[in-house]
N, C-alpha and C. Protein backbone atom coordinates (compact mmCIF):
# COMPACT_ATOMS: atom_id res chain seq x y z
N MET A 1 12.69 24.73 18.52
CA MET A 1 13.71 23.78 18.06
C MET A 1 13.40 23.35 16.63
N ASP A 2 14.36 23.43 15.76
CA ASP A 2 14.17 23.05 14.36
C ASP A 2 14.33 21.54 14.24
N THR A 3 13.24 20.86 13.88
CA THR A 3 13.26 19.40 13.78
C THR A 3 13.38 18.91 12.34
N GLU A 4 13.57 19.83 11.39
CA GLU A 4 13.68 19.42 9.99
C GLU A 4 14.94 18.58 9.79
N LYS A 5 14.79 17.47 9.12
CA LYS A 5 15.91 16.56 8.91
C LYS A 5 16.84 17.09 7.83
N ALA A 6 18.13 16.95 8.06
CA ALA A 6 19.10 17.36 7.06
C ALA A 6 19.04 16.41 5.88
N PRO A 7 19.14 16.92 4.66
CA PRO A 7 19.11 16.04 3.49
C PRO A 7 20.36 15.19 3.42
N LEU A 8 20.22 14.02 2.81
CA LEU A 8 21.39 13.18 2.60
C LEU A 8 22.33 13.85 1.60
N PRO A 9 23.62 13.82 1.87
CA PRO A 9 24.56 14.38 0.89
C PRO A 9 24.65 13.49 -0.34
N ALA A 10 25.07 14.05 -1.45
CA ALA A 10 25.24 13.27 -2.67
C ALA A 10 26.30 12.20 -2.45
N GLY A 11 26.13 11.07 -3.13
CA GLY A 11 27.12 10.00 -3.04
C GLY A 11 26.49 8.70 -2.57
N TYR A 12 27.33 7.70 -2.36
CA TYR A 12 26.88 6.39 -1.91
C TYR A 12 26.85 6.35 -0.39
N HIS A 13 25.90 5.59 0.15
CA HIS A 13 25.76 5.46 1.59
C HIS A 13 25.58 3.98 1.93
N ASP A 14 26.46 3.44 2.75
CA ASP A 14 26.37 2.03 3.11
C ASP A 14 25.10 1.75 3.89
N VAL A 15 24.48 0.60 3.59
CA VAL A 15 23.31 0.12 4.32
C VAL A 15 23.72 -1.17 5.01
N PRO A 16 23.55 -1.28 6.32
CA PRO A 16 23.92 -2.52 7.01
C PRO A 16 23.24 -3.74 6.40
N ALA A 17 23.89 -4.88 6.48
CA ALA A 17 23.40 -6.10 5.83
C ALA A 17 22.03 -6.52 6.35
N ASN A 18 21.71 -6.16 7.60
CA ASN A 18 20.43 -6.57 8.17
C ASN A 18 19.32 -5.56 7.91
N MET A 19 19.61 -4.54 7.09
CA MET A 19 18.63 -3.48 6.83
C MET A 19 18.31 -3.43 5.33
N LEU A 20 17.18 -2.84 5.02
CA LEU A 20 16.79 -2.57 3.64
C LEU A 20 16.66 -1.07 3.46
N ALA A 21 16.96 -0.59 2.28
CA ALA A 21 16.79 0.82 1.95
C ALA A 21 15.92 0.92 0.70
N THR A 22 15.02 1.86 0.71
CA THR A 22 14.14 2.03 -0.44
C THR A 22 13.86 3.51 -0.67
N ILE A 23 13.62 3.86 -1.91
CA ILE A 23 13.23 5.22 -2.26
C ILE A 23 11.71 5.28 -2.30
N VAL A 24 11.15 6.14 -1.49
CA VAL A 24 9.70 6.31 -1.37
C VAL A 24 9.29 7.52 -2.19
N THR A 25 8.28 7.36 -3.03
CA THR A 25 7.72 8.47 -3.80
C THR A 25 6.33 8.77 -3.27
N CYS A 26 6.11 10.03 -2.89
CA CYS A 26 4.80 10.48 -2.41
C CYS A 26 4.05 11.13 -3.57
N LEU A 27 2.78 10.78 -3.72
CA LEU A 27 1.97 11.29 -4.82
C LEU A 27 0.65 11.80 -4.27
N GLU A 28 0.03 12.73 -5.00
CA GLU A 28 -1.26 13.26 -4.58
C GLU A 28 -2.09 13.67 -5.79
N MET A 29 -3.39 13.77 -5.56
CA MET A 29 -4.28 14.42 -6.51
C MET A 29 -5.14 15.38 -5.71
N THR A 30 -5.39 16.56 -6.28
CA THR A 30 -6.15 17.57 -5.57
C THR A 30 -7.51 17.84 -6.21
N ALA A 31 -7.86 17.06 -7.18
CA ALA A 31 -9.18 17.11 -7.81
C ALA A 31 -9.47 15.73 -8.39
N LYS A 32 -10.72 15.40 -8.47
CA LYS A 32 -11.10 14.11 -9.02
C LYS A 32 -10.74 14.04 -10.49
N PRO A 33 -10.01 13.01 -10.92
CA PRO A 33 -9.62 12.92 -12.32
C PRO A 33 -10.76 12.44 -13.21
N ALA A 34 -10.58 12.61 -14.50
CA ALA A 34 -11.56 12.10 -15.45
C ALA A 34 -11.66 10.58 -15.29
N PRO A 35 -12.85 10.03 -15.38
CA PRO A 35 -13.01 8.58 -15.17
C PRO A 35 -12.32 7.77 -16.25
N ARG A 36 -11.81 6.62 -15.84
CA ARG A 36 -11.23 5.66 -16.78
C ARG A 36 -12.14 4.43 -16.77
N PRO A 37 -12.40 3.84 -17.93
CA PRO A 37 -13.34 2.71 -17.98
C PRO A 37 -12.78 1.48 -17.28
N ASN A 38 -13.69 0.73 -16.68
CA ASN A 38 -13.31 -0.55 -16.10
C ASN A 38 -13.14 -1.60 -17.19
N PRO A 39 -12.13 -2.45 -17.08
CA PRO A 39 -12.05 -3.60 -17.97
C PRO A 39 -13.10 -4.63 -17.56
N PRO A 40 -13.27 -5.70 -18.33
CA PRO A 40 -14.23 -6.74 -17.93
C PRO A 40 -13.93 -7.25 -16.52
N ALA A 41 -14.97 -7.36 -15.71
CA ALA A 41 -14.78 -7.68 -14.29
C ALA A 41 -14.41 -9.14 -14.05
N GLU A 42 -14.84 -10.04 -14.93
CA GLU A 42 -14.53 -11.46 -14.77
C GLU A 42 -14.90 -11.98 -13.38
N GLY A 43 -16.08 -11.54 -12.90
CA GLY A 43 -16.56 -12.03 -11.62
C GLY A 43 -15.98 -11.32 -10.41
N LEU A 44 -15.14 -10.30 -10.62
CA LEU A 44 -14.53 -9.58 -9.50
C LEU A 44 -15.50 -8.54 -8.94
N VAL A 45 -15.54 -8.46 -7.62
CA VAL A 45 -16.42 -7.52 -6.92
C VAL A 45 -15.61 -6.82 -5.84
N VAL A 46 -15.81 -5.50 -5.71
CA VAL A 46 -15.18 -4.75 -4.63
C VAL A 46 -16.24 -4.49 -3.56
N GLU A 47 -16.01 -5.00 -2.36
CA GLU A 47 -17.00 -4.94 -1.29
C GLU A 47 -16.41 -4.30 -0.05
N ARG A 48 -17.22 -3.49 0.64
CA ARG A 48 -16.80 -2.93 1.92
C ARG A 48 -16.64 -4.08 2.92
N TRP A 49 -15.53 -4.06 3.63
CA TRP A 49 -15.22 -5.11 4.61
C TRP A 49 -15.37 -4.50 5.99
N HIS A 50 -16.53 -4.69 6.59
CA HIS A 50 -16.81 -4.10 7.88
C HIS A 50 -16.20 -4.94 9.00
N ALA A 51 -15.49 -4.28 9.90
CA ALA A 51 -14.96 -4.88 11.12
C ALA A 51 -14.30 -6.24 10.90
N PRO A 52 -13.28 -6.30 10.05
CA PRO A 52 -12.57 -7.58 9.90
C PRO A 52 -11.86 -7.95 11.19
N SER A 53 -11.72 -9.24 11.43
CA SER A 53 -10.94 -9.67 12.58
C SER A 53 -9.46 -9.39 12.31
N ILE A 54 -8.69 -9.33 13.37
CA ILE A 54 -7.25 -9.10 13.23
C ILE A 54 -6.62 -10.18 12.35
N ASP A 55 -6.96 -11.44 12.62
CA ASP A 55 -6.36 -12.55 11.89
C ASP A 55 -6.74 -12.51 10.41
N ALA A 56 -8.02 -12.25 10.12
CA ALA A 56 -8.48 -12.21 8.72
C ALA A 56 -7.84 -11.05 7.98
N TYR A 57 -7.74 -9.91 8.64
CA TYR A 57 -7.12 -8.74 8.00
C TYR A 57 -5.66 -9.04 7.68
N ARG A 58 -4.94 -9.57 8.65
CA ARG A 58 -3.52 -9.84 8.42
C ARG A 58 -3.33 -10.91 7.34
N ALA A 59 -4.23 -11.86 7.27
CA ALA A 59 -4.11 -12.90 6.25
C ALA A 59 -4.18 -12.29 4.85
N LEU A 60 -5.13 -11.37 4.63
CA LEU A 60 -5.24 -10.74 3.31
C LEU A 60 -4.08 -9.78 3.09
N TYR A 61 -3.68 -9.07 4.12
CA TYR A 61 -2.54 -8.16 4.02
C TYR A 61 -1.29 -8.91 3.57
N ARG A 62 -1.05 -10.06 4.17
CA ARG A 62 0.11 -10.87 3.78
C ARG A 62 -0.06 -11.44 2.37
N LYS A 63 -1.27 -11.84 2.05
CA LYS A 63 -1.53 -12.46 0.75
C LYS A 63 -1.17 -11.51 -0.39
N VAL A 64 -1.53 -10.24 -0.23
CA VAL A 64 -1.28 -9.29 -1.32
C VAL A 64 0.05 -8.56 -1.17
N GLY A 65 0.62 -8.53 0.03
CA GLY A 65 1.78 -7.68 0.25
C GLY A 65 3.08 -8.34 0.61
N GLU A 66 3.05 -9.60 1.02
CA GLU A 66 4.28 -10.20 1.52
C GLU A 66 5.37 -10.29 0.45
N ASP A 67 4.98 -10.57 -0.79
CA ASP A 67 5.98 -10.66 -1.86
C ASP A 67 6.60 -9.30 -2.19
N TRP A 68 5.97 -8.21 -1.69
CA TRP A 68 6.51 -6.86 -1.90
C TRP A 68 7.07 -6.30 -0.59
N LEU A 69 7.26 -7.20 0.36
CA LEU A 69 7.88 -6.88 1.65
C LEU A 69 7.06 -5.90 2.48
N TRP A 70 5.73 -5.97 2.36
CA TRP A 70 4.87 -5.24 3.28
C TRP A 70 5.05 -5.87 4.67
N VAL A 71 5.30 -5.06 5.66
CA VAL A 71 5.55 -5.64 6.98
C VAL A 71 4.85 -4.89 8.11
N SER A 72 4.51 -3.63 7.93
CA SER A 72 4.06 -2.80 9.06
C SER A 72 2.86 -3.40 9.79
N ARG A 73 1.83 -3.81 9.07
CA ARG A 73 0.64 -4.32 9.73
C ARG A 73 0.82 -5.77 10.19
N ALA A 74 1.79 -6.47 9.61
CA ALA A 74 2.03 -7.85 10.02
C ALA A 74 2.62 -7.92 11.43
N VAL A 75 3.36 -6.88 11.80
CA VAL A 75 4.06 -6.91 13.10
C VAL A 75 3.48 -5.91 14.09
N MET A 76 2.52 -5.11 13.69
CA MET A 76 1.93 -4.12 14.59
C MET A 76 1.23 -4.81 15.76
N GLU A 77 1.30 -4.21 16.92
CA GLU A 77 0.61 -4.76 18.09
C GLU A 77 -0.89 -4.84 17.82
N ASP A 78 -1.51 -5.90 18.31
CA ASP A 78 -2.93 -6.13 18.02
C ASP A 78 -3.80 -4.95 18.41
N ASP A 79 -3.59 -4.38 19.59
CA ASP A 79 -4.44 -3.28 20.04
C ASP A 79 -4.31 -2.07 19.14
N LYS A 80 -3.09 -1.80 18.68
CA LYS A 80 -2.88 -0.66 17.80
C LYS A 80 -3.52 -0.89 16.44
N LEU A 81 -3.37 -2.10 15.91
CA LEU A 81 -3.99 -2.42 14.63
C LEU A 81 -5.51 -2.40 14.74
N ARG A 82 -6.04 -2.95 15.81
CA ARG A 82 -7.49 -2.97 16.00
C ARG A 82 -8.04 -1.54 16.04
N ALA A 83 -7.32 -0.64 16.70
CA ALA A 83 -7.79 0.74 16.79
C ALA A 83 -7.87 1.39 15.41
N ILE A 84 -7.00 1.00 14.50
CA ILE A 84 -7.02 1.56 13.15
C ILE A 84 -8.15 0.97 12.33
N ILE A 85 -8.21 -0.36 12.26
CA ILE A 85 -9.17 -0.97 11.34
C ILE A 85 -10.61 -0.89 11.85
N GLU A 86 -10.78 -0.56 13.14
CA GLU A 86 -12.14 -0.38 13.67
C GLU A 86 -12.53 1.09 13.75
N ASP A 87 -11.62 1.98 13.36
CA ASP A 87 -11.93 3.41 13.38
C ASP A 87 -12.96 3.71 12.28
N PRO A 88 -14.04 4.40 12.59
CA PRO A 88 -15.05 4.68 11.56
C PRO A 88 -14.54 5.55 10.42
N ALA A 89 -13.41 6.23 10.61
CA ALA A 89 -12.85 7.06 9.54
C ALA A 89 -11.89 6.28 8.66
N VAL A 90 -11.74 4.99 8.90
CA VAL A 90 -10.92 4.12 8.06
C VAL A 90 -11.85 3.12 7.38
N GLU A 91 -11.84 3.11 6.06
CA GLU A 91 -12.71 2.22 5.29
C GLU A 91 -11.86 1.15 4.60
N ILE A 92 -12.23 -0.10 4.82
CA ILE A 92 -11.50 -1.23 4.25
C ILE A 92 -12.40 -1.95 3.26
N TYR A 93 -11.84 -2.28 2.10
CA TYR A 93 -12.57 -2.98 1.05
C TYR A 93 -11.76 -4.20 0.62
N ALA A 94 -12.48 -5.24 0.25
CA ALA A 94 -11.84 -6.43 -0.30
C ALA A 94 -12.34 -6.66 -1.71
N MET A 95 -11.43 -7.02 -2.60
CA MET A 95 -11.83 -7.46 -3.93
C MET A 95 -12.00 -8.97 -3.86
N THR A 96 -13.16 -9.45 -4.25
CA THR A 96 -13.44 -10.88 -4.15
C THR A 96 -13.86 -11.46 -5.49
N ARG A 97 -13.68 -12.77 -5.60
CA ARG A 97 -14.19 -13.52 -6.74
C ARG A 97 -14.64 -14.87 -6.22
N ASN A 98 -15.90 -15.16 -6.41
CA ASN A 98 -16.49 -16.41 -5.90
C ASN A 98 -16.24 -16.57 -4.40
N GLY A 99 -16.32 -15.44 -3.69
CA GLY A 99 -16.17 -15.47 -2.25
C GLY A 99 -14.74 -15.44 -1.74
N GLU A 100 -13.76 -15.56 -2.65
CA GLU A 100 -12.36 -15.55 -2.23
C GLU A 100 -11.81 -14.13 -2.28
N GLN A 101 -11.18 -13.71 -1.20
CA GLN A 101 -10.59 -12.38 -1.13
C GLN A 101 -9.25 -12.36 -1.87
N LEU A 102 -9.15 -11.44 -2.85
CA LEU A 102 -7.96 -11.40 -3.70
C LEU A 102 -7.34 -10.00 -3.79
N GLY A 103 -7.94 -9.02 -3.14
CA GLY A 103 -7.40 -7.67 -3.18
C GLY A 103 -7.77 -6.89 -1.94
N LEU A 104 -6.91 -5.96 -1.57
CA LEU A 104 -7.11 -5.14 -0.37
C LEU A 104 -7.04 -3.68 -0.74
N LEU A 105 -8.02 -2.91 -0.28
CA LEU A 105 -8.06 -1.47 -0.44
C LEU A 105 -8.39 -0.86 0.92
N GLU A 106 -7.55 0.07 1.37
CA GLU A 106 -7.79 0.74 2.65
C GLU A 106 -7.69 2.24 2.45
N LEU A 107 -8.76 2.94 2.81
CA LEU A 107 -8.84 4.40 2.68
C LEU A 107 -8.91 5.01 4.07
N ASP A 108 -8.01 5.95 4.33
CA ASP A 108 -7.90 6.56 5.66
C ASP A 108 -8.34 8.01 5.58
N PHE A 109 -9.49 8.30 6.21
CA PHE A 109 -10.06 9.65 6.22
C PHE A 109 -9.86 10.34 7.57
N ARG A 110 -8.91 9.85 8.37
CA ARG A 110 -8.79 10.38 9.73
C ARG A 110 -8.31 11.83 9.78
N GLU A 111 -7.65 12.31 8.74
CA GLU A 111 -7.26 13.71 8.70
C GLU A 111 -8.30 14.47 7.89
N ALA A 112 -8.89 15.48 8.50
CA ALA A 112 -10.00 16.21 7.89
C ALA A 112 -9.61 16.76 6.53
N GLY A 113 -10.50 16.57 5.55
CA GLY A 113 -10.29 17.12 4.23
C GLY A 113 -9.34 16.34 3.35
N GLN A 114 -8.85 15.20 3.86
CA GLN A 114 -7.89 14.41 3.10
C GLN A 114 -8.27 12.93 3.15
N CYS A 115 -7.74 12.20 2.21
CA CYS A 115 -7.84 10.75 2.22
C CYS A 115 -6.49 10.17 1.82
N GLU A 116 -6.00 9.25 2.63
CA GLU A 116 -4.79 8.52 2.27
C GLU A 116 -5.17 7.17 1.69
N LEU A 117 -4.62 6.85 0.55
CA LEU A 117 -4.73 5.51 0.02
C LEU A 117 -3.70 4.68 0.78
N ALA A 118 -4.13 4.16 1.92
CA ALA A 118 -3.19 3.56 2.87
C ALA A 118 -2.62 2.24 2.37
N PHE A 119 -3.49 1.39 1.81
CA PHE A 119 -3.04 0.12 1.27
C PHE A 119 -3.85 -0.21 0.02
N PHE A 120 -3.14 -0.74 -0.97
CA PHE A 120 -3.74 -1.08 -2.26
C PHE A 120 -2.92 -2.23 -2.80
N GLY A 121 -3.52 -3.41 -2.86
CA GLY A 121 -2.75 -4.56 -3.33
C GLY A 121 -3.63 -5.67 -3.85
N LEU A 122 -3.03 -6.49 -4.71
CA LEU A 122 -3.73 -7.60 -5.35
C LEU A 122 -2.95 -8.88 -5.17
N ASP A 123 -3.67 -9.98 -5.11
CA ASP A 123 -3.03 -11.29 -5.19
C ASP A 123 -2.27 -11.39 -6.51
N GLN A 124 -1.16 -12.10 -6.49
CA GLN A 124 -0.32 -12.21 -7.69
C GLN A 124 -1.10 -12.72 -8.90
N SER A 125 -2.11 -13.55 -8.67
CA SER A 125 -2.87 -14.12 -9.79
C SER A 125 -3.65 -13.07 -10.57
N LEU A 126 -3.86 -11.88 -9.96
CA LEU A 126 -4.65 -10.84 -10.62
C LEU A 126 -3.80 -9.76 -11.27
N ILE A 127 -2.53 -9.73 -11.00
CA ILE A 127 -1.68 -8.67 -11.53
C ILE A 127 -1.60 -8.77 -13.05
N GLY A 128 -1.88 -7.67 -13.72
CA GLY A 128 -1.88 -7.64 -15.17
C GLY A 128 -3.21 -8.01 -15.80
N SER A 129 -4.22 -8.29 -14.96
CA SER A 129 -5.52 -8.73 -15.48
C SER A 129 -6.51 -7.60 -15.68
N GLY A 130 -6.17 -6.39 -15.22
CA GLY A 130 -7.13 -5.29 -15.24
C GLY A 130 -7.81 -5.10 -13.91
N ALA A 131 -7.59 -6.02 -12.98
CA ALA A 131 -8.22 -5.91 -11.66
C ALA A 131 -7.76 -4.66 -10.92
N GLY A 132 -6.50 -4.26 -11.14
CA GLY A 132 -6.01 -3.06 -10.48
C GLY A 132 -6.78 -1.82 -10.88
N ARG A 133 -7.18 -1.73 -12.16
CA ARG A 133 -7.96 -0.59 -12.61
C ARG A 133 -9.34 -0.58 -11.95
N ILE A 134 -9.94 -1.75 -11.83
CA ILE A 134 -11.24 -1.84 -11.17
C ILE A 134 -11.13 -1.38 -9.72
N LEU A 135 -10.10 -1.84 -9.03
CA LEU A 135 -9.93 -1.48 -7.63
C LEU A 135 -9.60 0.00 -7.48
N MET A 136 -8.78 0.53 -8.37
CA MET A 136 -8.44 1.95 -8.30
C MET A 136 -9.65 2.83 -8.60
N ASN A 137 -10.44 2.45 -9.58
CA ASN A 137 -11.65 3.24 -9.87
C ASN A 137 -12.56 3.28 -8.66
N ALA A 138 -12.66 2.15 -7.95
CA ALA A 138 -13.47 2.13 -6.72
C ALA A 138 -12.86 3.04 -5.67
N ALA A 139 -11.53 3.04 -5.58
CA ALA A 139 -10.86 3.90 -4.60
C ALA A 139 -11.12 5.37 -4.89
N ILE A 140 -10.99 5.77 -6.16
CA ILE A 140 -11.16 7.17 -6.53
C ILE A 140 -12.60 7.61 -6.31
N GLU A 141 -13.55 6.79 -6.73
CA GLU A 141 -14.97 7.14 -6.54
C GLU A 141 -15.31 7.28 -5.07
N THR A 142 -14.81 6.37 -4.25
CA THR A 142 -15.12 6.40 -2.82
C THR A 142 -14.45 7.58 -2.14
N ALA A 143 -13.17 7.81 -2.44
CA ALA A 143 -12.45 8.91 -1.80
C ALA A 143 -13.09 10.25 -2.13
N TRP A 144 -13.34 10.49 -3.42
CA TRP A 144 -13.87 11.79 -3.84
C TRP A 144 -15.36 11.90 -3.61
N GLY A 145 -15.98 10.84 -3.12
CA GLY A 145 -17.38 10.92 -2.69
C GLY A 145 -17.52 11.58 -1.34
N LYS A 146 -16.37 11.80 -0.68
CA LYS A 146 -16.35 12.47 0.63
C LYS A 146 -15.88 13.92 0.43
N PRO A 147 -16.09 14.79 1.41
CA PRO A 147 -15.67 16.20 1.27
C PRO A 147 -14.16 16.36 1.50
N ILE A 148 -13.38 15.93 0.51
CA ILE A 148 -11.92 16.05 0.62
C ILE A 148 -11.39 17.00 -0.45
N SER A 149 -10.19 17.50 -0.24
CA SER A 149 -9.52 18.32 -1.24
C SER A 149 -8.19 17.71 -1.65
N ARG A 150 -7.84 16.56 -1.05
CA ARG A 150 -6.56 15.93 -1.36
C ARG A 150 -6.66 14.43 -1.14
N PHE A 151 -6.18 13.67 -2.11
CA PHE A 151 -6.12 12.21 -2.06
C PHE A 151 -4.66 11.86 -2.32
N TRP A 152 -4.04 11.11 -1.40
CA TRP A 152 -2.61 10.89 -1.54
C TRP A 152 -2.22 9.46 -1.24
N VAL A 153 -1.01 9.12 -1.69
CA VAL A 153 -0.51 7.76 -1.56
C VAL A 153 1.01 7.83 -1.61
N HIS A 154 1.67 6.82 -1.08
CA HIS A 154 3.11 6.71 -1.33
C HIS A 154 3.43 5.28 -1.74
N THR A 155 4.46 5.16 -2.57
CA THR A 155 4.91 3.87 -3.02
C THR A 155 6.43 3.87 -2.99
N CYS A 156 7.02 2.71 -3.14
CA CYS A 156 8.48 2.64 -3.09
C CYS A 156 8.97 1.63 -4.12
N HIS A 157 10.29 1.60 -4.32
CA HIS A 157 10.82 0.75 -5.39
C HIS A 157 10.81 -0.73 -5.01
N LEU A 158 10.41 -1.07 -3.78
CA LEU A 158 10.22 -2.48 -3.43
C LEU A 158 8.88 -3.00 -3.92
N ASP A 159 7.95 -2.10 -4.24
CA ASP A 159 6.64 -2.50 -4.76
C ASP A 159 6.77 -3.01 -6.19
N HIS A 160 5.64 -3.45 -6.74
CA HIS A 160 5.62 -3.91 -8.13
C HIS A 160 6.23 -2.82 -9.02
N PRO A 161 7.08 -3.18 -9.98
CA PRO A 161 7.75 -2.16 -10.80
C PRO A 161 6.80 -1.28 -11.61
N ALA A 162 5.57 -1.73 -11.80
CA ALA A 162 4.61 -0.91 -12.55
C ALA A 162 3.77 -0.02 -11.65
N ALA A 163 3.97 -0.10 -10.33
CA ALA A 163 3.09 0.60 -9.40
C ALA A 163 3.14 2.11 -9.58
N LEU A 164 4.33 2.68 -9.66
CA LEU A 164 4.45 4.14 -9.74
C LEU A 164 3.78 4.67 -11.01
N ALA A 165 4.04 4.04 -12.13
CA ALA A 165 3.41 4.49 -13.39
C ALA A 165 1.90 4.32 -13.34
N PHE A 166 1.43 3.26 -12.70
CA PHE A 166 -0.01 3.03 -12.56
C PHE A 166 -0.66 4.16 -11.77
N TYR A 167 -0.04 4.56 -10.66
CA TYR A 167 -0.59 5.65 -9.86
C TYR A 167 -0.63 6.95 -10.67
N GLN A 168 0.42 7.18 -11.45
CA GLN A 168 0.44 8.40 -12.25
C GLN A 168 -0.63 8.37 -13.34
N ARG A 169 -0.82 7.22 -13.98
CA ARG A 169 -1.89 7.11 -14.98
C ARG A 169 -3.27 7.32 -14.35
N SER A 170 -3.36 7.01 -13.08
CA SER A 170 -4.65 7.12 -12.38
C SER A 170 -4.94 8.55 -11.94
N GLY A 171 -3.97 9.46 -12.09
CA GLY A 171 -4.21 10.86 -11.77
C GLY A 171 -3.39 11.40 -10.62
N PHE A 172 -2.58 10.56 -9.97
CA PHE A 172 -1.71 11.03 -8.90
C PHE A 172 -0.46 11.68 -9.49
N LYS A 173 0.02 12.73 -8.82
CA LYS A 173 1.23 13.41 -9.27
C LYS A 173 2.28 13.37 -8.16
N PRO A 174 3.51 13.00 -8.50
CA PRO A 174 4.57 12.95 -7.49
C PRO A 174 4.88 14.35 -6.95
N TYR A 175 5.14 14.42 -5.64
CA TYR A 175 5.51 15.72 -5.06
C TYR A 175 6.69 15.64 -4.10
N LYS A 176 7.12 14.43 -3.72
CA LYS A 176 8.24 14.33 -2.78
C LYS A 176 8.84 12.94 -2.86
N ARG A 177 10.16 12.87 -2.62
CA ARG A 177 10.85 11.58 -2.50
C ARG A 177 11.54 11.52 -1.14
N MET A 178 11.59 10.31 -0.58
CA MET A 178 12.27 10.07 0.68
C MET A 178 13.05 8.76 0.60
N VAL A 179 14.03 8.62 1.45
CA VAL A 179 14.73 7.35 1.59
C VAL A 179 14.31 6.74 2.92
N GLU A 180 13.86 5.50 2.88
CA GLU A 180 13.48 4.78 4.10
C GLU A 180 14.45 3.62 4.31
N ILE A 181 14.93 3.49 5.52
CA ILE A 181 15.79 2.37 5.90
C ILE A 181 15.12 1.64 7.04
N PHE A 182 14.96 0.34 6.89
CA PHE A 182 14.28 -0.43 7.93
C PHE A 182 14.86 -1.84 8.00
N GLU A 183 14.64 -2.50 9.11
CA GLU A 183 15.16 -3.84 9.34
C GLU A 183 14.56 -4.82 8.34
N ASP A 184 15.38 -5.66 7.75
CA ASP A 184 14.89 -6.66 6.80
C ASP A 184 14.04 -7.67 7.55
N PRO A 185 12.72 -7.69 7.31
CA PRO A 185 11.83 -8.55 8.10
C PRO A 185 12.03 -10.04 7.84
N ARG A 186 12.72 -10.39 6.76
CA ARG A 186 12.96 -11.81 6.47
C ARG A 186 14.05 -12.39 7.37
N LEU A 187 14.93 -11.52 7.85
CA LEU A 187 16.02 -11.98 8.71
C LEU A 187 15.59 -12.15 10.16
N THR A 188 14.44 -11.56 10.50
CA THR A 188 13.95 -11.65 11.87
C THR A 188 12.79 -12.63 12.00
N GLY A 189 12.36 -13.22 10.87
CA GLY A 189 11.23 -14.14 10.91
C GLY A 189 9.88 -13.45 10.85
N LYS A 190 9.87 -12.13 10.68
CA LYS A 190 8.59 -11.42 10.59
C LYS A 190 7.89 -11.66 9.26
N LEU A 191 8.67 -11.94 8.23
CA LEU A 191 8.14 -12.39 6.94
C LEU A 191 8.90 -13.65 6.56
N ARG A 192 8.29 -14.46 5.69
CA ARG A 192 8.95 -15.69 5.29
C ARG A 192 10.26 -15.38 4.56
N ALA A 193 11.21 -16.29 4.64
CA ALA A 193 12.56 -16.04 4.13
C ALA A 193 12.58 -15.85 2.62
N ASP A 194 11.62 -16.44 1.89
CA ASP A 194 11.65 -16.32 0.43
C ASP A 194 10.73 -15.20 -0.08
N ALA A 195 10.20 -14.37 0.81
CA ALA A 195 9.39 -13.23 0.38
C ALA A 195 10.27 -12.22 -0.33
N GLY A 196 9.69 -11.46 -1.23
CA GLY A 196 10.44 -10.41 -1.90
C GLY A 196 11.65 -10.91 -2.62
N SER A 197 11.46 -11.91 -3.48
CA SER A 197 12.60 -12.53 -4.16
C SER A 197 13.33 -11.54 -5.07
N HIS A 198 12.70 -10.41 -5.41
CA HIS A 198 13.35 -9.41 -6.25
C HIS A 198 14.37 -8.59 -5.46
N VAL A 199 14.41 -8.79 -4.14
CA VAL A 199 15.37 -8.08 -3.28
C VAL A 199 16.24 -9.12 -2.60
N PRO A 200 17.50 -9.26 -2.95
CA PRO A 200 18.33 -10.33 -2.39
C PRO A 200 18.58 -10.15 -0.89
N LEU A 201 18.64 -11.29 -0.21
CA LEU A 201 19.03 -11.29 1.20
C LEU A 201 20.53 -11.11 1.32
N LEU A 202 20.95 -10.34 2.30
CA LEU A 202 22.37 -10.22 2.61
C LEU A 202 22.60 -10.87 3.97
N ILE A 203 23.32 -11.95 3.98
CA ILE A 203 23.56 -12.70 5.20
C ILE A 203 24.95 -12.34 5.73
N SER A 204 24.99 -11.78 6.93
CA SER A 204 26.27 -11.44 7.53
C SER A 204 26.97 -12.71 8.02
N GLU A 205 28.25 -12.79 7.79
CA GLU A 205 29.03 -13.95 8.26
C GLU A 205 29.39 -13.75 9.73
């Protein structure tokens, strides 16, 4: 049975008011890129976060991702999330300053020979400070320190507008685009109503 999805035809396609649509760009690197220098750290440290609790993990996930409408891990069943973050092939790192967690990095090595940059995010206070370069350099060094031949990530237009260009500057190359449609989590209470202010809410009458 052929399970390949038919491509969307050219033209406009209505999206229901309770749903969001986004263009997802998939990127990859197949060799370790030339190193880029770290900016001044300003007290920032990237540390391996061993066995975080569900509540602590979700708190940091929301802190760095809620304004960009990250929702998957916020609503995932506890047992399913625990199985991921406790898997020895999944490495979680936190960027901290004076003990406060301000960034999340998650590397998924569960597929042999590959690493997915599963989550990469910063608290709003760090965006534009150079912290992203520090965290990305840590991601690249850690990923390519393992026997992999591919490091990949996906981003979408709901993320920070500089995200795609940042990934490309870091050595990732786009190879595929997809359209994702999903329920607006602000309308269901899964995320706060004022999250993702760059994406207007559509309220059905």
